[in-house]
Amino acid sequence: ERVSSGDAVTVTIGDRSGKASPVVAPQSGDRAASWIRWIHEGSHS
């Protein structure tokens, strides 16, 4: 979780290489989908 923005990002790391893949940050559709889930669950609101 990015402290500055609250965005959830995913970091994947190769077990053998120890190399981090490019950070996957949420796009606008991902944020909208998250908000839909939060609204339904009554969380984060």
All heavy atoms as atom14 arrays in JSON, in Angstrom:
{
  "sequence": "ERVSSGDAVTVTIGDRSGKASPVVAPQSGDRAASWIRWIHEGSHS",
  "atom14_mask": [
    [1, 1, 1, 1, 1, 1, 1, 1, 1, 0, 0, 0, 0, 0],
    [1, 1, 1, 1, 1, 1, 1, 1, 1, 1, 1, 0, 0, 0],
    [1, 1, 1, 1, 1, 1, 1, 0, 0, 0, 0, 0, 0, 0],
    [1, 1, 1, 1, 1, 1, 0, 0, 0, 0, 0, 0, 0, 0],
    [1, 1, 1, 1, 1, 1, 0, 0, 0, 0, 0, 0, 0, 0],
    [1, 1, 1, 1, 0, 0, 0, 0, 0, 0, 0, 0, 0, 0],
    [1, 1, 1, 1, 1, 1, 1, 1, 0, 0, 0, 0, 0, 0],
    [1, 1, 1, 1, 1, 0, 0, 0, 0, 0, 0, 0, 0, 0],
    [1, 1, 1, 1, 1, 1, 1, 0, 0, 0, 0, 0, 0, 0],
    [1, 1, 1, 1, 1, 1, 1, 0, 0, 0, 0, 0, 0, 0],
    [1, 1, 1, 1, 1, 1, 1, 0, 0, 0, 0, 0, 0, 0],
    [1, 1, 1, 1, 1, 1, 1, 0, 0, 0, 0, 0, 0, 0],
    [1, 1, 1, 1, 1, 1, 1, 1, 0, 0, 0, 0, 0, 0],
    [1, 1, 1, 1, 0, 0, 0, 0, 0, 0, 0, 0, 0, 0],
    [1, 1, 1, 1, 1, 1, 1, 1, 0, 0, 0, 0, 0, 0],
    [1, 1, 1, 1, 1, 1, 1, 1, 1, 1, 1, 0, 0, 0],
    [1, 1, 1, 1, 1, 1, 0, 0, 0, 0, 0, 0, 0, 0],
    [1, 1, 1, 1, 0, 0, 0, 0, 0, 0, 0, 0, 0, 0],
    [1, 1, 1, 1, 1, 1, 1, 1, 1, 0, 0, 0, 0, 0],
    [1, 1, 1, 1, 1, 0, 0, 0, 0, 0, 0, 0, 0, 0],
    [1, 1, 1, 1, 1, 1, 0, 0, 0, 0, 0, 0, 0, 0],
    [1, 1, 1, 1, 1, 1, 1, 0, 0, 0, 0, 0, 0, 0],
    [1, 1, 1, 1, 1, 1, 1, 0, 0, 0, 0, 0, 0, 0],
    [1, 1, 1, 1, 1, 1, 1, 0, 0, 0, 0, 0, 0, 0],
    [1, 1, 1, 1, 1, 0, 0, 0, 0, 0, 0, 0, 0, 0],
    [1, 1, 1, 1, 1, 1, 1, 0, 0, 0, 0, 0, 0, 0],
    [1, 1, 1, 1, 1, 1, 1, 1, 1, 0, 0, 0, 0, 0],
    [1, 1, 1, 1, 1, 1, 0, 0, 0, 0, 0, 0, 0, 0],
    [1, 1, 1, 1, 0, 0, 0, 0, 0, 0, 0, 0, 0, 0],
    [1, 1, 1, 1, 1, 1, 1, 1, 0, 0, 0, 0, 0, 0],
    [1, 1, 1, 1, 1, 1, 1, 1, 1, 1, 1, 0, 0, 0],
    [1, 1, 1, 1, 1, 0, 0, 0, 0, 0, 0, 0, 0, 0],
    [1, 1, 1, 1, 1, 0, 0, 0, 0, 0, 0, 0, 0, 0],
    [1, 1, 1, 1, 1, 1, 0, 0, 0, 0, 0, 0, 0, 0],
    [1, 1, 1, 1, 1, 1, 1, 1, 1, 1, 1, 1, 1, 1],
    [1, 1, 1, 1, 1, 1, 1, 1, 0, 0, 0, 0, 0, 0],
    [1, 1, 1, 1, 1, 1, 1, 1, 1, 1, 1, 0, 0, 0],
    [1, 1, 1, 1, 1, 1, 1, 1, 1, 1, 1, 1, 1, 1],
    [1, 1, 1, 1, 1, 1, 1, 1, 0, 0, 0, 0, 0, 0],
    [1, 1, 1, 1, 1, 1, 1, 1, 1, 1, 0, 0, 0, 0],
    [1, 1, 1, 1, 1, 1, 1, 1, 1, 0, 0, 0, 0, 0],
    [1, 1, 1, 1, 0, 0, 0, 0, 0, 0, 0, 0, 0, 0],
    [1, 1, 1, 1, 1, 1, 0, 0, 0, 0, 0, 0, 0, 0],
    [1, 1, 1, 1, 1, 1, 1, 1, 1, 1, 0, 0, 0, 0],
    [1, 1, 1, 1, 1, 1, 0, 0, 0, 0, 0, 0, 0, 0]
  ],
  "atom14_positions": [
    [[0.84, -1.2, 0.0], [0.0, 0.0, 0.0], [0.88, 1.24, 0.0], [1.74, 1.41, 0.87], [-0.91, 0.04, 1.22], [-1.82, 1.26, 1.26], [-2.66, 1.33, 2.51], [-2.88, 0.28, 3.15], [-3.1, 2.44, 2.87], [0.0, 0.0, 0.0], [0.0, 0.0, 0.0], [0.0, 0.0, 0.0], [0.0, 0.0, 0.0], [0.0, 0.0, 0.0]],
    [[0.67, 2.09, -0.99], [1.4, 3.35, -1.04], [0.83, 4.29, 0.02], [-0.35, 4.65, -0.03], [1.28, 3.97, -2.42], [2.07, 3.22, -3.48], [1.82, 3.77, -4.87], [2.69, 3.13, -5.87], [2.51, 3.22, -7.18], [1.47, 3.91, -7.65], [3.35, 2.63, -8.01], [0.0, 0.0, 0.0], [0.0, 0.0, 0.0], [0.0, 0.0, 0.0]],
    [[1.68, 4.67, 0.96], [1.21, 5.49, 2.08], [0.71, 6.84, 1.59], [-0.27, 7.39, 2.11], [2.34, 5.66, 3.11], [1.88, 6.56, 4.26], [2.78, 4.3, 3.65], [0.0, 0.0, 0.0], [0.0, 0.0, 0.0], [0.0, 0.0, 0.0], [0.0, 0.0, 0.0], [0.0, 0.0, 0.0], [0.0, 0.0, 0.0], [0.0, 0.0, 0.0]],
    [[1.35, 7.39, 0.57], [1.0, 8.73, 0.1], [-0.39, 8.78, -0.53], [-1.15, 9.73, -0.33], [2.03, 9.21, -0.91], [2.13, 8.3, -2.01], [0.0, 0.0, 0.0], [0.0, 0.0, 0.0], [0.0, 0.0, 0.0], [0.0, 0.0, 0.0], [0.0, 0.0, 0.0], [0.0, 0.0, 0.0], [0.0, 0.0, 0.0], [0.0, 0.0, 0.0]],
    [[-0.76, 7.74, -1.31], [-2.02, 7.77, -2.04], [-3.03, 6.73, -1.56], [-4.21, 6.83, -1.87], [-1.76, 7.54, -3.53], [-1.19, 6.25, -3.75], [0.0, 0.0, 0.0], [0.0, 0.0, 0.0], [0.0, 0.0, 0.0], [0.0, 0.0, 0.0], [0.0, 0.0, 0.0], [0.0, 0.0, 0.0], [0.0, 0.0, 0.0], [0.0, 0.0, 0.0]],
    [[-2.57, 5.73, -0.82], [-3.46, 4.65, -0.41], [-3.69, 3.59, -1.47], [-4.45, 2.65, -1.25], [0.0, 0.0, 0.0], [0.0, 0.0, 0.0], [0.0, 0.0, 0.0], [0.0, 0.0, 0.0], [0.0, 0.0, 0.0], [0.0, 0.0, 0.0], [0.0, 0.0, 0.0], [0.0, 0.0, 0.0], [0.0, 0.0, 0.0], [0.0, 0.0, 0.0]],
    [[-3.05, 3.74, -2.65], [-3.21, 2.76, -3.72], [-2.57, 1.43, -3.33], [-1.5, 1.39, -2.7], [-2.56, 3.26, -5.01], [-3.4, 4.3, -5.71], [-4.6, 4.4, -5.4], [-2.86, 5.03, -6.57], [0.0, 0.0, 0.0], [0.0, 0.0, 0.0], [0.0, 0.0, 0.0], [0.0, 0.0, 0.0], [0.0, 0.0, 0.0], [0.0, 0.0, 0.0]],
    [[-3.22, 0.35, -3.72], [-2.67, -0.99, -3.52], [-1.91, -1.39, -4.78], [-2.45, -1.32, -5.89], [-3.78, -1.99, -3.24], [0.0, 0.0, 0.0], [0.0, 0.0, 0.0], [0.0, 0.0, 0.0], [0.0, 0.0, 0.0], [0.0, 0.0, 0.0], [0.0, 0.0, 0.0], [0.0, 0.0, 0.0], [0.0, 0.0, 0.0], [0.0, 0.0, 0.0]],
    [[-0.64, -1.77, -4.62], [0.19, -2.16, -5.75], [0.69, -3.59, -5.51], [0.79, -4.03, -4.36], [1.38, -1.2, -5.97], [0.88, 0.2, -6.28], [2.29, -1.17, -4.74], [0.0, 0.0, 0.0], [0.0, 0.0, 0.0], [0.0, 0.0, 0.0], [0.0, 0.0, 0.0], [0.0, 0.0, 0.0], [0.0, 0.0, 0.0], [0.0, 0.0, 0.0]],
    [[0.99, -4.28, -6.59], [1.48, -5.65, -6.52], [2.91, -5.71, -7.0], [3.23, -5.19, -8.08], [0.61, -6.59, -7.38], [-0.75, -6.51, -6.92], [1.08, -8.02, -7.27], [0.0, 0.0, 0.0], [0.0, 0.0, 0.0], [0.0, 0.0, 0.0], [0.0, 0.0, 0.0], [0.0, 0.0, 0.0], [0.0, 0.0, 0.0], [0.0, 0.0, 0.0]],
    [[3.77, -6.35, -6.21], [5.17, -6.56, -6.57], [5.41, -8.05, -6.66], [5.11, -8.79, -5.7], [6.12, -5.92, -5.54], [7.57, -6.11, -5.97], [5.81, -4.45, -5.35], [0.0, 0.0, 0.0], [0.0, 0.0, 0.0], [0.0, 0.0, 0.0], [0.0, 0.0, 0.0], [0.0, 0.0, 0.0], [0.0, 0.0, 0.0], [0.0, 0.0, 0.0]],
    [[5.9, -8.53, -7.78], [6.25, -9.94, -7.93], [7.77, -10.06, -8.04], [8.42, -9.26, -8.71], [5.58, -10.56, -9.18], [5.97, -9.8, -10.34], [4.07, -10.53, -9.04], [0.0, 0.0, 0.0], [0.0, 0.0, 0.0], [0.0, 0.0, 0.0], [0.0, 0.0, 0.0], [0.0, 0.0, 0.0], [0.0, 0.0, 0.0], [0.0, 0.0, 0.0]],
    [[8.31, -11.09, -7.39], [9.77, -11.25, -7.32], [10.11, -12.68, -7.69], [9.59, -13.64, -7.08], [10.27, -10.94, -5.89], [9.93, -9.5, -5.52], [11.77, -11.17, -5.78], [9.84, -9.28, -4.05], [0.0, 0.0, 0.0], [0.0, 0.0, 0.0], [0.0, 0.0, 0.0], [0.0, 0.0, 0.0], [0.0, 0.0, 0.0], [0.0, 0.0, 0.0]],
    [[10.95, -12.85, -8.69], [11.38, -14.18, -9.1], [12.15, -14.85, -7.98], [13.06, -14.25, -7.4], [0.0, 0.0, 0.0], [0.0, 0.0, 0.0], [0.0, 0.0, 0.0], [0.0, 0.0, 0.0], [0.0, 0.0, 0.0], [0.0, 0.0, 0.0], [0.0, 0.0, 0.0], [0.0, 0.0, 0.0], [0.0, 0.0, 0.0], [0.0, 0.0, 0.0]],
    [[11.77, -16.09, -7.66], [12.41, -16.76, -6.53], [13.87, -17.09, -6.82], [14.71, -17.0, -5.92], [11.63, -18.04, -6.2], [12.2, -18.77, -5.0], [12.3, -18.14, -3.93], [12.55, -19.96, -5.13], [0.0, 0.0, 0.0], [0.0, 0.0, 0.0], [0.0, 0.0, 0.0], [0.0, 0.0, 0.0], [0.0, 0.0, 0.0], [0.0, 0.0, 0.0]],
    [[14.2, -17.47, -8.05], [15.58, -17.82, -8.37], [16.41, -16.59, -8.71], [17.57, -16.47, -8.29], [15.62, -18.83, -9.52], [15.03, -20.19, -9.17], [15.29, -21.21, -10.26], [14.62, -20.86, -11.51], [13.41, -21.27, -11.86], [12.72, -22.05, -11.02], [12.88, -20.93, -13.01], [0.0, 0.0, 0.0], [0.0, 0.0, 0.0], [0.0, 0.0, 0.0]],
    [[15.84, -15.67, -9.46], [16.61, -14.51, -9.91], [16.64, -13.39, -8.87], [17.55, -12.56, -8.87], [16.01, -13.96, -11.21], [14.69, -13.46, -10.99], [0.0, 0.0, 0.0], [0.0, 0.0, 0.0], [0.0, 0.0, 0.0], [0.0, 0.0, 0.0], [0.0, 0.0, 0.0], [0.0, 0.0, 0.0], [0.0, 0.0, 0.0], [0.0, 0.0, 0.0]],
    [[15.64, -13.34, -8.01], [15.56, -12.25, -7.03], [15.22, -10.92, -7.69], [15.39, -9.86, -7.08], [0.0, 0.0, 0.0], [0.0, 0.0, 0.0], [0.0, 0.0, 0.0], [0.0, 0.0, 0.0], [0.0, 0.0, 0.0], [0.0, 0.0, 0.0], [0.0, 0.0, 0.0], [0.0, 0.0, 0.0], [0.0, 0.0, 0.0], [0.0, 0.0, 0.0]],
    [[14.71, -10.98, -8.91], [14.41, -9.76, -9.65], [12.94, -9.4, -9.49], [12.05, -10.23, -9.64], [14.74, -9.97, -11.13], [14.46, -8.75, -12.0], [14.8, -9.03, -13.46], [14.49, -7.82, -14.34], [14.78, -8.1, -15.77], [0.0, 0.0, 0.0], [0.0, 0.0, 0.0], [0.0, 0.0, 0.0], [0.0, 0.0, 0.0], [0.0, 0.0, 0.0]],
    [[12.72, -8.12, -9.18], [11.35, -7.63, -9.05], [10.82, -7.25, -10.42], [11.47, -6.53, -11.18], [11.29, -6.44, -8.11], [0.0, 0.0, 0.0], [0.0, 0.0, 0.0], [0.0, 0.0, 0.0], [0.0, 0.0, 0.0], [0.0, 0.0, 0.0], [0.0, 0.0, 0.0], [0.0, 0.0, 0.0], [0.0, 0.0, 0.0], [0.0, 0.0, 0.0]],
    [[9.65, -7.76, -10.77], [8.99, -7.36, -12.01], [8.45, -5.94, -11.85], [8.32, -5.43, -10.73], [7.85, -8.33, -12.33], [8.34, -9.64, -12.49], [0.0, 0.0, 0.0], [0.0, 0.0, 0.0], [0.0, 0.0, 0.0], [0.0, 0.0, 0.0], [0.0, 0.0, 0.0], [0.0, 0.0, 0.0], [0.0, 0.0, 0.0], [0.0, 0.0, 0.0]],
    [[8.15, -5.28, -12.98], [7.58, -3.93, -12.87], [6.38, -3.92, -11.93], [5.52, -4.8, -11.97], [7.19, -3.6, -14.31], [8.11, -4.43, -15.15], [8.33, -5.7, -14.38], [0.0, 0.0, 0.0], [0.0, 0.0, 0.0], [0.0, 0.0, 0.0], [0.0, 0.0, 0.0], [0.0, 0.0, 0.0], [0.0, 0.0, 0.0], [0.0, 0.0, 0.0]],
    [[6.34, -2.91, -11.09], [5.27, -2.79, -10.11], [3.94, -2.61, -10.85], [3.82, -1.8, -11.78], [5.52, -1.59, -9.18], [4.33, -1.4, -8.24], [6.8, -1.81, -8.4], [0.0, 0.0, 0.0], [0.0, 0.0, 0.0], [0.0, 0.0, 0.0], [0.0, 0.0, 0.0], [0.0, 0.0, 0.0], [0.0, 0.0, 0.0], [0.0, 0.0, 0.0]],
    [[2.93, -3.4, -10.46], [1.61, -3.31, -11.06], [0.76, -2.38, -10.22], [0.37, -2.72, -9.09], [0.95, -4.71, -11.16], [-0.44, -4.59, -11.78], [1.83, -5.65, -11.98], [0.0, 0.0, 0.0], [0.0, 0.0, 0.0], [0.0, 0.0, 0.0], [0.0, 0.0, 0.0], [0.0, 0.0, 0.0], [0.0, 0.0, 0.0], [0.0, 0.0, 0.0]],
    [[0.54, -1.18, -10.74], [-0.29, -0.19, -10.03], [-1.71, -0.26, -10.57], [-1.92, -0.59, -11.75], [0.29, 1.2, -10.22], [0.0, 0.0, 0.0], [0.0, 0.0, 0.0], [0.0, 0.0, 0.0], [0.0, 0.0, 0.0], [0.0, 0.0, 0.0], [0.0, 0.0, 0.0], [0.0, 0.0, 0.0], [0.0, 0.0, 0.0], [0.0, 0.0, 0.0]],
    [[-2.69, 0.05, -9.76], [-4.09, -0.04, -10.22], [-4.4, 1.0, -11.28], [-3.97, 2.16, -11.18], [-4.9, 0.2, -8.94], [-3.99, 0.97, -8.04], [-2.61, 0.48, -8.35], [0.0, 0.0, 0.0], [0.0, 0.0, 0.0], [0.0, 0.0, 0.0], [0.0, 0.0, 0.0], [0.0, 0.0, 0.0], [0.0, 0.0, 0.0], [0.0, 0.0, 0.0]],
    [[-5.14, 0.59, -12.31], [-5.64, 1.51, -13.33], [-7.01, 2.03, -12.91], [-7.57, 1.63, -11.88], [-5.72, 0.78, -14.68], [-4.4, 0.2, -15.15], [-3.35, 1.26, -15.43], [-3.65, 2.31, -15.98], [-2.11, 0.99, -15.04], [0.0, 0.0, 0.0], [0.0, 0.0, 0.0], [0.0, 0.0, 0.0], [0.0, 0.0, 0.0], [0.0, 0.0, 0.0]],
    [[-7.56, 2.9, -13.71], [-8.85, 3.51, -13.35], [-9.94, 2.46, -13.2], [-10.77, 2.53, -12.28], [-9.25, 4.55, -14.4], [-9.34, 3.95, -15.7], [0.0, 0.0, 0.0], [0.0, 0.0, 0.0], [0.0, 0.0, 0.0], [0.0, 0.0, 0.0], [0.0, 0.0, 0.0], [0.0, 0.0, 0.0], [0.0, 0.0, 0.0], [0.0, 0.0, 0.0]],
    [[-9.96, 1.45, -14.07], [-10.96, 0.4, -13.97], [-10.76, -0.46, -12.74], [-11.73, -0.89, -12.11], [0.0, 0.0, 0.0], [0.0, 0.0, 0.0], [0.0, 0.0, 0.0], [0.0, 0.0, 0.0], [0.0, 0.0, 0.0], [0.0, 0.0, 0.0], [0.0, 0.0, 0.0], [0.0, 0.0, 0.0], [0.0, 0.0, 0.0], [0.0, 0.0, 0.0]],
    [[-9.5, -0.7, -12.35], [-9.22, -1.47, -11.14], [-9.71, -0.71, -9.91], [-10.28, -1.31, -8.98], [-7.72, -1.74, -11.02], [-7.17, -2.52, -12.19], [-7.78, -3.55, -12.56], [-6.15, -2.1, -12.75], [0.0, 0.0, 0.0], [0.0, 0.0, 0.0], [0.0, 0.0, 0.0], [0.0, 0.0, 0.0], [0.0, 0.0, 0.0], [0.0, 0.0, 0.0]],
    [[-9.48, 0.61, -9.9], [-9.96, 1.41, -8.77], [-11.48, 1.39, -8.7], [-12.06, 1.27, -7.61], [-9.46, 2.85, -8.89], [-7.95, 3.01, -8.73], [-7.58, 4.49, -8.61], [-6.15, 4.67, -8.47], [-5.32, 4.89, -9.47], [-5.8, 4.96, -10.72], [-4.03, 5.05, -9.26], [0.0, 0.0, 0.0], [0.0, 0.0, 0.0], [0.0, 0.0, 0.0]],
    [[-12.12, 1.5, -9.85], [-13.59, 1.47, -9.86], [-14.11, 0.13, -9.36], [-15.07, 0.07, -8.58], [-14.1, 1.75, -11.27], [0.0, 0.0, 0.0], [0.0, 0.0, 0.0], [0.0, 0.0, 0.0], [0.0, 0.0, 0.0], [0.0, 0.0, 0.0], [0.0, 0.0, 0.0], [0.0, 0.0, 0.0], [0.0, 0.0, 0.0], [0.0, 0.0, 0.0]],
    [[-13.46, -0.97, -9.78], [-13.88, -2.29, -9.33], [-13.69, -2.44, -7.82], [-14.52, -3.05, -7.14], [-13.09, -3.37, -10.08], [0.0, 0.0, 0.0], [0.0, 0.0, 0.0], [0.0, 0.0, 0.0], [0.0, 0.0, 0.0], [0.0, 0.0, 0.0], [0.0, 0.0, 0.0], [0.0, 0.0, 0.0], [0.0, 0.0, 0.0], [0.0, 0.0, 0.0]],
    [[-12.6, -1.88, -7.3], [-12.36, -1.94, -5.85], [-13.43, -1.16, -5.1], [-13.95, -1.6, -4.07], [-10.97, -1.38, -5.51], [-9.95, -2.19, -6.05], [0.0, 0.0, 0.0], [0.0, 0.0, 0.0], [0.0, 0.0, 0.0], [0.0, 0.0, 0.0], [0.0, 0.0, 0.0], [0.0, 0.0, 0.0], [0.0, 0.0, 0.0], [0.0, 0.0, 0.0]],
    [[-13.79, 0.02, -5.63], [-14.82, 0.82, -4.99], [-16.16, 0.1, -5.0], [-16.94, 0.17, -4.04], [-14.93, 2.19, -5.67], [-13.99, 3.19, -5.09], [-12.84, 3.66, -5.66], [-14.09, 3.83, -3.81], [-12.23, 4.55, -4.82], [-12.97, 4.68, -3.68], [-15.01, 3.76, -2.78], [-12.76, 5.46, -2.54], [-14.81, 4.53, -1.64], [-13.71, 5.37, -1.53]],
    [[-16.45, -0.6, -6.08], [-17.71, -1.36, -6.15], [-17.74, -2.41, -5.04], [-18.76, -2.58, -4.35], [-17.87, -2.0, -7.53], [-18.19, -0.92, -8.57], [-18.97, -3.07, -7.52], [-18.18, -1.41, -10.0], [0.0, 0.0, 0.0], [0.0, 0.0, 0.0], [0.0, 0.0, 0.0], [0.0, 0.0, 0.0], [0.0, 0.0, 0.0], [0.0, 0.0, 0.0]],
    [[-16.64, -3.12, -4.86], [-16.58, -4.13, -3.79], [-16.7, -3.47, -2.42], [-17.42, -3.95, -1.55], [-15.27, -4.93, -3.89], [-15.1, -5.94, -2.77], [-13.92, -6.85, -3.02], [-14.17, -7.75, -4.13], [-14.87, -8.86, -4.04], [-15.4, -9.23, -2.88], [-15.05, -9.63, -5.09], [0.0, 0.0, 0.0], [0.0, 0.0, 0.0], [0.0, 0.0, 0.0]],
    [[-15.98, -2.36, -2.21], [-16.03, -1.69, -0.91], [-17.43, -1.17, -0.6], [-17.89, -1.25, 0.54], [-15.03, -0.55, -0.88], [-13.6, -1.0, -0.98], [-13.12, -2.27, -0.74], [-12.47, -0.22, -1.38], [-11.76, -2.31, -0.95], [-11.33, -1.07, -1.34], [-12.3, 1.1, -1.76], [-10.06, -0.62, -1.66], [-11.02, 1.55, -2.08], [-9.91, 0.7, -2.03]],
    [[-18.08, -0.62, -1.62], [-19.46, -0.13, -1.41], [-20.37, -1.28, -1.0], [-21.18, -1.16, -0.08], [-19.98, 0.55, -2.69], [-19.26, 1.9, -2.9], [-21.49, 0.75, -2.63], [-19.55, 2.53, -4.24], [0.0, 0.0, 0.0], [0.0, 0.0, 0.0], [0.0, 0.0, 0.0], [0.0, 0.0, 0.0], [0.0, 0.0, 0.0], [0.0, 0.0, 0.0]],
    [[-20.23, -2.41, -1.66], [-21.09, -3.56, -1.35], [-20.79, -4.11, 0.05], [-21.72, -4.52, 0.77], [-20.89, -4.66, -2.39], [-21.81, -5.82, -2.22], [-23.14, -5.76, -2.61], [-21.63, -7.06, -1.68], [-23.72, -6.91, -2.33], [-22.83, -7.72, -1.77], [0.0, 0.0, 0.0], [0.0, 0.0, 0.0], [0.0, 0.0, 0.0], [0.0, 0.0, 0.0]],
    [[-19.53, -4.13, 0.42], [-19.15, -4.72, 1.71], [-19.32, -3.74, 2.86], [-19.29, -4.16, 4.03], [-17.69, -5.17, 1.66], [-17.43, -6.31, 0.69], [-15.96, -6.65, 0.57], [-15.13, -5.84, 1.05], [-15.63, -7.72, 0.03], [0.0, 0.0, 0.0], [0.0, 0.0, 0.0], [0.0, 0.0, 0.0], [0.0, 0.0, 0.0], [0.0, 0.0, 0.0]],
    [[-19.46, -2.44, 2.56], [-19.53, -1.46, 3.62], [-18.18, -1.16, 4.23], [-18.1, -0.68, 5.38], [0.0, 0.0, 0.0], [0.0, 0.0, 0.0], [0.0, 0.0, 0.0], [0.0, 0.0, 0.0], [0.0, 0.0, 0.0], [0.0, 0.0, 0.0], [0.0, 0.0, 0.0], [0.0, 0.0, 0.0], [0.0, 0.0, 0.0], [0.0, 0.0, 0.0]],
    [[-17.1, -1.42, 3.51], [-15.75, -1.19, 4.02], [-15.11, 0.01, 3.32], [-15.57, 0.43, 2.26], [-14.88, -2.43, 3.79], [-14.78, -2.74, 2.41], [0.0, 0.0, 0.0], [0.0, 0.0, 0.0], [0.0, 0.0, 0.0], [0.0, 0.0, 0.0], [0.0, 0.0, 0.0], [0.0, 0.0, 0.0], [0.0, 0.0, 0.0], [0.0, 0.0, 0.0]],
    [[-14.07, 0.56, 3.95], [-13.29, 1.66, 3.38], [-14.13, 2.92, 3.12], [-13.71, 3.79, 2.38], [-12.63, 1.25, 2.05], [-11.63, 0.14, 2.18], [-12.01, -1.18, 2.38], [-10.29, 0.13, 2.15], [-10.94, -1.94, 2.46], [-9.87, -1.18, 2.33], [0.0, 0.0, 0.0], [0.0, 0.0, 0.0], [0.0, 0.0, 0.0], [0.0, 0.0, 0.0]],
    [[-15.33, 2.99, 3.68], [-16.21, 4.13, 3.38], [-16.76, 4.8, 4.63], [-17.7, 5.58, 4.53], [-17.37, 3.67, 2.48], [-16.89, 3.08, 1.29], [0.0, 0.0, 0.0], [0.0, 0.0, 0.0], [0.0, 0.0, 0.0], [0.0, 0.0, 0.0], [0.0, 0.0, 0.0], [0.0, 0.0, 0.0], [0.0, 0.0, 0.0], [0.0, 0.0, 0.0]]
  ]
}
